Amino acid sequence: RQAPGKGPERVSTINTGGSTRYYLDSV
């Protein structure tokens, strides 16, 4: 995600099979 005037943030990532997930601390 990217808000106006701010840099991009990685909100979440999921691996190929859906078994491993990453989340930004704030979400």
PDB file of all heavy atoms in Angstrom:
ATOM      1  N   ARG A   1       0.830  -1.198   0.000  1.00  0.00           N
ATOM      2  CA  ARG A   1       0.000   0.000   0.000  1.00  0.00           C
ATOM      3  C   ARG A   1       0.868   1.253   0.000  1.00  0.00           C
ATOM      4  O   ARG A   1       2.004   1.240   0.461  1.00  0.00           O
ATOM      5  CB  ARG A   1      -0.955   0.019   1.196  1.00  0.00           C
ATOM      6  CG  ARG A   1      -0.291   0.260   2.542  1.00  0.00           C
ATOM      7  CD  ARG A   1      -1.307   0.154   3.677  1.00  0.00           C
ATOM      8  NE  ARG A   1      -0.711   0.452   4.969  1.00  0.00           N
ATOM      9  CZ  ARG A   1      -1.329   0.291   6.137  1.00  0.00           C
ATOM     10  NH1 ARG A   1      -2.574  -0.175   6.175  1.00  0.00           N
ATOM     11  NH2 ARG A   1      -0.710   0.593   7.268  1.00  0.00           N
ATOM     12  N   GLN A   2       0.298   2.339  -0.525  1.00  0.00           N
ATOM     13  CA  GLN A   2       0.996   3.611  -0.549  1.00  0.00           C
ATOM     14  C   GLN A   2       0.002   4.743  -0.343  1.00  0.00           C
ATOM     15  O   GLN A   2      -0.959   4.884  -1.099  1.00  0.00           O
ATOM     16  CB  GLN A   2       1.758   3.805  -1.859  1.00  0.00           C
ATOM     17  CG  GLN A   2       2.676   5.012  -1.850  1.00  0.00           C
ATOM     18  CD  GLN A   2       3.701   4.978  -2.970  1.00  0.00           C
ATOM     19  OE1 GLN A   2       3.488   4.340  -3.995  1.00  0.00           O
ATOM     20  NE2 GLN A   2       4.813   5.660  -2.761  1.00  0.00           N
ATOM     21  N   ALA A   3       0.228   5.548   0.687  1.00  0.00           N
ATOM     22  CA  ALA A   3      -0.588   6.720   0.965  1.00  0.00           C
ATOM     23  C   ALA A   3       0.031   7.933   0.276  1.00  0.00           C
ATOM     24  O   ALA A   3       1.238   7.963   0.025  1.00  0.00           O
ATOM     25  CB  ALA A   3      -0.678   6.950   2.467  1.00  0.00           C
ATOM     26  N   PRO A   4      -0.769   8.967  -0.023  1.00  0.00           N
ATOM     27  CA  PRO A   4      -0.236  10.158  -0.686  1.00  0.00           C
ATOM     28  C   PRO A   4       0.924  10.776   0.081  1.00  0.00           C
ATOM     29  O   PRO A   4       0.845  10.976   1.295  1.00  0.00           O
ATOM     30  CB  PRO A   4      -1.431  11.109  -0.716  1.00  0.00           C
ATOM     31  CG  PRO A   4      -2.620  10.208  -0.700  1.00  0.00           C
ATOM     32  CD  PRO A   4      -2.224   9.056   0.180  1.00  0.00           C
ATOM     33  N   GLY A   5       2.026  11.048  -0.610  1.00  0.00           N
ATOM     34  CA  GLY A   5       3.186  11.672  -0.004  1.00  0.00           C
ATOM     35  C   GLY A   5       4.042  10.765   0.848  1.00  0.00           C
ATOM     36  O   GLY A   5       4.995  11.238   1.482  1.00  0.00           O
ATOM     37  N   LYS A   6       3.720   9.473   0.885  1.00  0.00           N
ATOM     38  CA  LYS A   6       4.478   8.527   1.696  1.00  0.00           C
ATOM     39  C   LYS A   6       5.032   7.394   0.839  1.00  0.00           C
ATOM     40  O   LYS A   6       4.567   7.151  -0.274  1.00  0.00           O
ATOM     41  CB  LYS A   6       3.606   7.964   2.815  1.00  0.00           C
ATOM     42  CG  LYS A   6       3.120   9.010   3.790  1.00  0.00           C
ATOM     43  CD  LYS A   6       2.750   8.409   5.118  1.00  0.00           C
ATOM     44  CE  LYS A   6       2.501   9.485   6.159  1.00  0.00           C
ATOM     45  NZ  LYS A   6       2.294   8.915   7.506  1.00  0.00           N
ATOM     46  N   GLY A   7       6.023   6.709   1.359  1.00  0.00           N
ATOM     47  CA  GLY A   7       6.608   5.585   0.666  1.00  0.00           C
ATOM     48  C   GLY A   7       5.747   4.341   0.766  1.00  0.00           C
ATOM     49  O   GLY A   7       4.830   4.265   1.591  1.00  0.00           O
ATOM     50  N   PRO A   8       6.022   3.345  -0.075  1.00  0.00           N
ATOM     51  CA  PRO A   8       5.230   2.115  -0.037  1.00  0.00           C
ATOM     52  C   PRO A   8       5.500   1.298   1.223  1.00  0.00           C
ATOM     53  O   PRO A   8       6.599   1.341   1.783  1.00  0.00           O
ATOM     54  CB  PRO A   8       5.698   1.367  -1.285  1.00  0.00           C
ATOM     55  CG  PRO A   8       7.088   1.860  -1.520  1.00  0.00           C
ATOM     56  CD  PRO A   8       7.077   3.306  -1.097  1.00  0.00           C
ATOM     57  N   GLU A   9       4.491   0.549   1.651  1.00  0.00           N
ATOM     58  CA  GLU A   9       4.603  -0.367   2.776  1.00  0.00           C
ATOM     59  C   GLU A   9       4.183  -1.760   2.332  1.00  0.00           C
ATOM     60  O   GLU A   9       3.193  -1.906   1.622  1.00  0.00           O
ATOM     61  CB  GLU A   9       3.688   0.044   3.926  1.00  0.00           C
ATOM     62  CG  GLU A   9       4.007   1.361   4.584  1.00  0.00           C
ATOM     63  CD  GLU A   9       3.056   1.642   5.728  1.00  0.00           C
ATOM     64  OE1 GLU A   9       1.830   1.717   5.481  1.00  0.00           O
ATOM     65  OE2 GLU A   9       3.534   1.773   6.869  1.00  0.00           O
ATOM     66  N   ARG A  10       4.912  -2.766   2.776  1.00  0.00           N
ATOM     67  CA  ARG A  10       4.496  -4.146   2.532  1.00  0.00           C
ATOM     68  C   ARG A  10       3.478  -4.537   3.592  1.00  0.00           C
ATOM     69  O   ARG A  10       3.817  -4.664   4.773  1.00  0.00           O
ATOM     70  CB  ARG A  10       5.681  -5.106   2.551  1.00  0.00           C
ATOM     71  CG  ARG A  10       5.241  -6.564   2.320  1.00  0.00           C
ATOM     72  CD  ARG A  10       6.376  -7.499   1.992  1.00  0.00           C
ATOM     73  NE  ARG A  10       7.384  -7.622   3.023  1.00  0.00           N
ATOM     74  CZ  ARG A  10       7.810  -8.780   3.516  1.00  0.00           C
ATOM     75  NH1 ARG A  10       7.292  -9.927   3.082  1.00  0.00           N
ATOM     76  NH2 ARG A  10       8.769  -8.786   4.424  1.00  0.00           N
ATOM     77  N   VAL A  11       2.238  -4.708   3.183  1.00  0.00           N
ATOM     78  CA  VAL A  11       1.154  -5.011   4.106  1.00  0.00           C
ATOM     79  C   VAL A  11       1.171  -6.479   4.507  1.00  0.00           C
ATOM     80  O   VAL A  11       1.027  -6.813   5.688  1.00  0.00           O
ATOM     81  CB  VAL A  11      -0.205  -4.654   3.472  1.00  0.00           C
ATOM     82  CG1 VAL A  11      -1.353  -5.044   4.397  1.00  0.00           C
ATOM     83  CG2 VAL A  11      -0.253  -3.163   3.142  1.00  0.00           C
ATOM     84  N   SER A  12       1.347  -7.358   3.514  1.00  0.00           N
ATOM     85  CA  SER A  12       1.267  -8.788   3.784  1.00  0.00           C
ATOM     86  C   SER A  12       1.876  -9.577   2.642  1.00  0.00           C
ATOM     87  O   SER A  12       1.891  -9.124   1.498  1.00  0.00           O
ATOM     88  CB  SER A  12      -0.200  -9.205   3.982  1.00  0.00           C
ATOM     89  OG  SER A  12      -0.304 -10.535   4.444  1.00  0.00           O
ATOM     90  N   THR A  13       2.387 -10.769   2.949  1.00  0.00           N
ATOM     91  CA  THR A  13       2.932 -11.702   1.967  1.00  0.00           C
ATOM     92  C   THR A  13       2.460 -13.108   2.296  1.00  0.00           C
ATOM     93  O   THR A  13       2.337 -13.464   3.472  1.00  0.00           O
ATOM     94  CB  THR A  13       4.472 -11.662   1.955  1.00  0.00           C
ATOM     95  OG1 THR A  13       4.926 -10.362   1.551  1.00  0.00           O
ATOM     96  CG2 THR A  13       5.056 -12.698   0.998  1.00  0.00           C
ATOM     97  N   ILE A  14       2.209 -13.903   1.262  1.00  0.00           N
ATOM     98  CA  ILE A  14       1.803 -15.290   1.434  1.00  0.00           C
ATOM     99  C   ILE A  14       2.633 -16.174   0.513  1.00  0.00           C
ATOM    100  O   ILE A  14       2.915 -15.799  -0.626  1.00  0.00           O
ATOM    101  CB  ILE A  14       0.285 -15.456   1.167  1.00  0.00           C
ATOM    102  CG1 ILE A  14      -0.193 -16.861   1.530  1.00  0.00           C
ATOM    103  CG2 ILE A  14      -0.055 -15.107  -0.279  1.00  0.00           C
ATOM    104  CD1 ILE A  14      -1.717 -16.977   1.564  1.00  0.00           C
ATOM    105  N   ASN A  15       3.043 -17.337   0.992  1.00  0.00           N
ATOM    106  CA  ASN A  15       3.834 -18.242   0.174  1.00  0.00           C
ATOM    107  C   ASN A  15       2.943 -19.001  -0.805  1.00  0.00           C
ATOM    108  O   ASN A  15       1.726 -18.848  -0.814  1.00  0.00           O
ATOM    109  CB  ASN A  15       4.668 -19.184   1.051  1.00  0.00           C
ATOM    110  CG  ASN A  15       3.844 -20.266   1.722  1.00  0.00           C
ATOM    111  OD1 ASN A  15       2.661 -20.094   1.987  1.00  0.00           O
ATOM    112  ND2 ASN A  15       4.481 -21.397   2.000  1.00  0.00           N
ATOM    113  N   THR A  16       3.573 -19.825  -1.637  1.00  0.00           N
ATOM    114  CA  THR A  16       2.854 -20.451  -2.747  1.00  0.00           C
ATOM    115  C   THR A  16       1.679 -21.318  -2.311  1.00  0.00           C
ATOM    116  O   THR A  16       0.623 -21.312  -2.950  1.00  0.00           O
ATOM    117  CB  THR A  16       3.809 -21.298  -3.601  1.00  0.00           C
ATOM    118  OG1 THR A  16       4.469 -22.266  -2.777  1.00  0.00           O
ATOM    119  CG2 THR A  16       4.853 -20.419  -4.274  1.00  0.00           C
ATOM    120  N   GLY A  17       1.853 -22.062  -1.222  1.00  0.00           N
ATOM    121  CA  GLY A  17       0.812 -22.954  -0.744  1.00  0.00           C
ATOM    122  C   GLY A  17      -0.121 -22.346   0.281  1.00  0.00           C
ATOM    123  O   GLY A  17      -1.102 -22.980   0.677  1.00  0.00           O
ATOM    124  N   GLY A  18       0.176 -21.135   0.738  1.00  0.00           N
ATOM    125  CA  GLY A  18      -0.674 -20.459   1.705  1.00  0.00           C
ATOM    126  C   GLY A  18      -0.412 -20.829   3.155  1.00  0.00           C
ATOM    127  O   GLY A  18      -1.178 -20.429   4.037  1.00  0.00           O
ATOM    128  N   SER A  19       0.665 -21.545   3.418  1.00  0.00           N
ATOM    129  CA  SER A  19       0.947 -22.002   4.775  1.00  0.00           C
ATOM    130  C   SER A  19       1.774 -21.020   5.599  1.00  0.00           C
ATOM    131  O   SER A  19       1.802 -21.122   6.827  1.00  0.00           O
ATOM    132  CB  SER A  19       1.659 -23.356   4.746  1.00  0.00           C
ATOM    133  OG  SER A  19       2.900 -23.256   4.070  1.00  0.00           O
ATOM    134  N   THR A  20       2.464 -20.078   4.944  1.00  0.00           N
ATOM    135  CA  THR A  20       3.309 -19.114   5.632  1.00  0.00           C
ATOM    136  C   THR A  20       2.865 -17.706   5.258  1.00  0.00           C
ATOM    137  O   THR A  20       2.711 -17.395   4.077  1.00  0.00           O
ATOM    138  CB  THR A  20       4.791 -19.310   5.272  1.00  0.00           C
ATOM    139  OG1 THR A  20       5.185 -20.634   5.617  1.00  0.00           O
ATOM    140  CG2 THR A  20       5.668 -18.313   6.015  1.00  0.00           C
ATOM    141  N   ARG A  21       2.675 -16.852   6.271  1.00  0.00           N
ATOM    142  CA  ARG A  21       2.179 -15.491   6.050  1.00  0.00           C
ATOM    143  C   ARG A  21       3.005 -14.482   6.824  1.00  0.00           C
ATOM    144  O   ARG A  21       3.445 -14.739   7.945  1.00  0.00           O
ATOM    145  CB  ARG A  21       0.713 -15.379   6.467  1.00  0.00           C
ATOM    146  CG  ARG A  21      -0.235 -16.251   5.670  1.00  0.00           C
ATOM    147  CD  ARG A  21      -1.598 -16.313   6.323  1.00  0.00           C
ATOM    148  NE  ARG A  21      -2.579 -17.014   5.513  1.00  0.00           N
ATOM    149  CZ  ARG A  21      -2.758 -18.330   5.524  1.00  0.00           C
ATOM    150  NH1 ARG A  21      -2.009 -19.101   6.313  1.00  0.00           N
ATOM    151  NH2 ARG A  21      -3.689 -18.875   4.754  1.00  0.00           N
ATOM    152  N   TYR A  22       3.204 -13.309   6.213  1.00  0.00           N
ATOM    153  CA  TYR A  22       3.831 -12.162   6.844  1.00  0.00           C
ATOM    154  C   TYR A  22       2.816 -11.026   6.919  1.00  0.00           C
ATOM    155  O   TYR A  22       2.043 -10.817   5.980  1.00  0.00           O
ATOM    156  CB  TYR A  22       5.057 -11.696   6.039  1.00  0.00           C
ATOM    157  CG  TYR A  22       5.438 -10.271   6.328  1.00  0.00           C
ATOM    158  CD1 TYR A  22       6.291  -9.953   7.378  1.00  0.00           C
ATOM    159  CD2 TYR A  22       4.916  -9.223   5.565  1.00  0.00           C
ATOM    160  CE1 TYR A  22       6.618  -8.639   7.656  1.00  0.00           C
ATOM    161  CE2 TYR A  22       5.244  -7.905   5.840  1.00  0.00           C
ATOM    162  CZ  TYR A  22       6.095  -7.623   6.890  1.00  0.00           C
ATOM    163  OH  TYR A  22       6.417  -6.326   7.164  1.00  0.00           O
ATOM    164  N   TYR A  23       2.832 -10.268   8.036  1.00  0.00           N
ATOM    165  CA  TYR A  23       2.004  -9.078   8.171  1.00  0.00           C
ATOM    166  C   TYR A  23       2.812  -7.911   8.723  1.00  0.00           C
ATOM    167  O   TYR A  23       3.634  -8.081   9.631  1.00  0.00           O
ATOM    168  CB  TYR A  23       0.826  -9.316   9.112  1.00  0.00           C
ATOM    169  CG  TYR A  23      -0.160 -10.342   8.617  1.00  0.00           C
ATOM    170  CD1 TYR A  23      -0.130 -11.646   9.091  1.00  0.00           C
ATOM    171  CD2 TYR A  23      -1.124 -10.001   7.673  1.00  0.00           C
ATOM    172  CE1 TYR A  23      -1.036 -12.589   8.632  1.00  0.00           C
ATOM    173  CE2 TYR A  23      -2.031 -10.937   7.209  1.00  0.00           C
ATOM    174  CZ  TYR A  23      -1.982 -12.229   7.695  1.00  0.00           C
ATOM    175  OH  TYR A  23      -2.885 -13.158   7.237  1.00  0.00           O
ATOM    176  N   LEU A  24       2.558  -6.732   8.184  1.00  0.00           N
ATOM    177  CA  LEU A  24       3.058  -5.494   8.763  1.00  0.00           C
ATOM    178  C   LEU A  24       2.550  -5.399  10.206  1.00  0.00           C
ATOM    179  O   LEU A  24       1.390  -5.716  10.482  1.00  0.00           O
ATOM    180  CB  LEU A  24       2.540  -4.322   7.936  1.00  0.00           C
ATOM    181  CG  LEU A  24       2.955  -2.913   8.276  1.00  0.00           C
ATOM    182  CD1 LEU A  24       4.434  -2.704   8.012  1.00  0.00           C
ATOM    183  CD2 LEU A  24       2.124  -1.928   7.456  1.00  0.00           C
ATOM    184  N   ASP A  25       3.409  -4.973  11.133  1.00  0.00           N
ATOM    185  CA  ASP A  25       3.029  -4.937  12.544  1.00  0.00           C
ATOM    186  C   ASP A  25       1.726  -4.178  12.790  1.00  0.00           C
ATOM    187  O   ASP A  25       0.903  -4.598  13.607  1.00  0.00           O
ATOM    188  CB  ASP A  25       4.146  -4.313  13.383  1.00  0.00           C
ATOM    189  CG  ASP A  25       5.299  -5.261  13.632  1.00  0.00           C
ATOM    190  OD1 ASP A  25       5.151  -6.473  13.394  1.00  0.00           O
ATOM    191  OD2 ASP A  25       6.359  -4.783  14.072  1.00  0.00           O
ATOM    192  N   SER A  26       1.527  -3.077  12.103  1.00  0.00           N
ATOM    193  CA  SER A  26       0.368  -2.231  12.350  1.00  0.00           C
ATOM    194  C   SER A  26      -0.957  -2.844  11.883  1.00  0.00           C
ATOM    195  O   SER A  26      -2.017  -2.351  12.256  1.00  0.00           O
ATOM    196  CB  SER A  26       0.556  -0.859  11.701  1.00  0.00           C
ATOM    197  OG  SER A  26       0.683  -0.970  10.296  1.00  0.00           O
ATOM    198  N   VAL A  27      -0.910  -3.908  11.081  1.00  0.00           N
ATOM    199  CA  VAL A  27      -2.141  -4.557  10.620  1.00  0.00           C
ATOM    200  C   VAL A  27      -2.325  -5.944  11.210  1.00  0.00           C
ATOM    201  O   VAL A  27      -3.381  -6.561  11.013  1.00  0.00           O
ATOM    202  CB  VAL A  27      -2.216  -4.638   9.079  1.00  0.00           C
ATOM    203  CG1 VAL A  27      -1.920  -3.289   8.450  1.00  0.00           C
ATOM    204  CG2 VAL A  27      -1.284  -5.714   8.531  1.00  0.00           C
TER     205      VAL A  27
END
